[in-house]
C-alpha atoms as a PDB file:
ATOM      1  CA  UNK A   1     154.974  53.601 128.174  1.00  0.00           C
ATOM      2  CA  UNK A   2     151.707  54.299 129.631  1.00  0.00           C
ATOM      3  CA  UNK A   3     150.674  57.337 132.134  1.00  0.00           C
ATOM      4  CA  UNK A   4     148.862  56.284 135.196  1.00  0.00           C
ATOM      5  CA  UNK A   5     146.881  59.436 137.187  1.00  0.00           C
ATOM      6  CA  UNK A   6     146.176  58.745 140.494  1.00  0.00           C
ATOM      7  CA  UNK A   7     143.731  61.694 140.737  1.00  0.00           C
ATOM      8  CA  UNK A   8     141.506  59.685 138.355  1.00  0.00           C
ATOM      9  CA  UNK A   9     138.746  57.682 140.290  1.00  0.00           C
ATOM     10  CA  UNK A  10     137.673  55.856 136.704  1.00  0.00           C
ATOM     11  CA  UNK A  11     140.126  52.716 136.938  1.00  0.00           C
ATOM     12  CA  UNK A  12     140.407  52.427 141.049  1.00  0.00           C
ATOM     13  CA  UNK A  13     139.691  49.498 142.792  1.00  0.00           C
ATOM     14  CA  UNK A  14     136.745  50.083 145.697  1.00  0.00           C
ATOM     15  CA  UNK A  15     135.915  47.121 147.671  1.00  0.00           C
ATOM     16  CA  UNK A  16     135.080  47.528 151.827  1.00  0.00           C
ATOM     17  CA  UNK A  17     137.282  50.752 152.596  1.00  0.00           C
ATOM     18  CA  UNK A  18     140.070  50.277 150.605  1.00  0.00           C
ATOM     19  CA  UNK A  19     140.770  52.117 147.173  1.00  0.00           C
ATOM     20  CA  UNK A  20     143.391  50.859 145.043  1.00  0.00           C
ATOM     21  CA  UNK A  21     144.853  52.082 141.525  1.00  0.00           C
ATOM     22  CA  UNK A  22     147.453  50.400 140.013  1.00  0.00           C
ATOM     23  CA  UNK A  23     150.364  50.426 137.821  1.00  0.00           C
ATOM     24  CA  UNK A  24     151.349  47.027 135.821  1.00  0.00           C
ATOM     25  CA  UNK A  25     154.625  46.674 133.753  1.00  0.00           C
ATOM     26  CA  UNK A  26     156.247  43.378 132.395  1.00  0.00           C
ATOM     27  CA  UNK A  27     157.926  42.420 135.530  1.00  0.00           C
ATOM     28  CA  UNK A  28     156.341  44.640 138.149  1.00  0.00           C
ATOM     29  CA  UNK A  29     153.208  46.677 139.744  1.00  0.00           C
ATOM     30  CA  UNK A  30     152.610  49.191 141.852  1.00  0.00           C
ATOM     31  CA  UNK A  31     149.661  49.657 143.862  1.00  0.00           C
ATOM     32  CA  UNK A  32     148.284  53.309 145.131  1.00  0.00           C
ATOM     33  CA  UNK A  33     146.039  52.355 147.886  1.00  0.00           C
ATOM     34  CA  UNK A  34     143.617  54.579 150.242  1.00  0.00           C
ATOM     35  CA  UNK A  35     142.182  52.736 153.401  1.00  0.00           C
ATOM     36  CA  UNK A  36     139.750  53.114 155.855  1.00  0.00           C
ATOM     37  CA  UNK A  37     139.523  51.924 158.696  1.00  0.00           C
ATOM     38  CA  UNK A  38     138.787  48.316 159.200  1.00  0.00           C
ATOM     39  CA  UNK A  39     139.385  47.848 155.831  1.00  0.00           C
ATOM     40  CA  UNK A  40     140.394  44.032 155.068  1.00  0.00           C
ATOM     41  CA  UNK A  41     142.164  42.491 151.646  1.00  0.00           C
ATOM     42  CA  UNK A  42     142.318  38.719 151.282  1.00  0.00           C
ATOM     43  CA  UNK A  43     145.248  37.195 150.851  1.00  0.00           C
ATOM     44  CA  UNK A  44     146.940  36.471 147.544  1.00  0.00           C
ATOM     45  CA  UNK A  45     150.232  36.712 145.839  1.00  0.00           C
ATOM     46  CA  UNK A  46     151.423  37.921 142.262  1.00  0.00           C
ATOM     47  CA  UNK A  47     153.871  36.432 139.753  1.00  0.00           C
ATOM     48  CA  UNK A  48     155.707  39.749 139.231  1.00  0.00           C
ATOM     49  CA  UNK A  49     157.325  42.134 142.361  1.00  0.00           C
ATOM     50  CA  UNK A  50     154.777  44.594 143.534  1.00  0.00           C
ATOM     51  CA  UNK A  51     155.621  48.228 145.258  1.00  0.00           C
ATOM     52  CA  UNK A  52     152.525  48.864 147.405  1.00  0.00           C
ATOM     53  CA  UNK A  53     152.249  52.842 148.237  1.00  0.00           C
ATOM     54  CA  UNK A  54     150.324  54.268 151.061  1.00  0.00           C
ATOM     55  CA  UNK A  55     148.583  57.665 150.298  1.00  0.00           C
ATOM     56  CA  UNK A  56     146.316  57.085 153.389  1.00  0.00           C
ATOM     57  CA  UNK A  57     145.424  54.807 156.440  1.00  0.00           C
ATOM     58  CA  UNK A  58     147.221  52.426 157.677  1.00  0.00           C
ATOM     59  CA  UNK A  59     147.632  48.977 156.493  1.00  0.00           C
ATOM     60  CA  UNK A  60     148.848  45.639 158.450  1.00  0.00           C
ATOM     61  CA  UNK A  61     150.132  43.260 155.919  1.00  0.00           C
ATOM     62  CA  UNK A  62     151.077  39.534 156.759  1.00  0.00           C
ATOM     63  CA  UNK A  63     154.393  38.213 154.790  1.00  0.00           C
ATOM     64  CA  UNK A  64     155.010  34.693 155.343  1.00  0.00           C
ATOM     65  CA  UNK A  65     156.565  34.894 159.588  1.00  0.00           C
ATOM     66  CA  UNK A  66     156.849  38.703 159.399  1.00  0.00           C
ATOM     67  CA  UNK A  67     154.402  41.562 159.991  1.00  0.00           C
ATOM     68  CA  UNK A  68     154.079  45.139 158.320  1.00  0.00           C
ATOM     69  CA  UNK A  69     152.571  47.804 159.262  1.00  0.00           C
ATOM     70  CA  UNK A  70     152.155  51.177 156.890  1.00  0.00           C
ATOM     71  CA  UNK A  71     151.014  54.263 156.934  1.00  0.00           C
ATOM     72  CA  UNK A  72     150.948  57.188 154.889  1.00  0.00           C
ATOM     73  CA  UNK A  73     153.750  57.819 152.172  1.00  0.00           C
ATOM     74  CA  UNK A  74     155.384  54.769 152.981  1.00  0.00           C
ATOM     75  CA  UNK A  75     155.899  52.026 150.709  1.00  0.00           C
ATOM     76  CA  UNK A  76     156.791  48.063 150.901  1.00  0.00           C
ATOM     77  CA  UNK A  77     158.359  45.659 148.009  1.00  0.00           C
ATOM     78  CA  UNK A  78     157.179  42.322 148.130  1.00  0.00           C
ATOM     79  CA  UNK A  79     159.100  40.001 145.934  1.00  0.00           C
ATOM     80  CA  UNK A  80     157.388  37.767 142.973  1.00  0.00           C
ATOM     81  CA  UNK A  81     154.989  34.873 144.479  1.00  0.00           C
ATOM     82  CA  UNK A  82     154.931  35.809 148.156  1.00  0.00           C
ATOM     83  CA  UNK A  83     151.603  35.504 149.782  1.00  0.00           C
END
């Protein structure tokens, strides 16, 4: 077991207005994200299921043909290997 402290900044990734903390298990990853206006993330995929939780800001994600718009306190579950 491992405890993740979302209030700690030391293990967060900060890139161009995008701040992310992650909790990773054997088959699951949770991303705790904070977004500034205009933040952009590169398309990518993971071999495990991912749960995104938006803390602040808004995020538009395109998965295949579907577009999702998430705001504060919203989450999205992404299956493994989906870009």
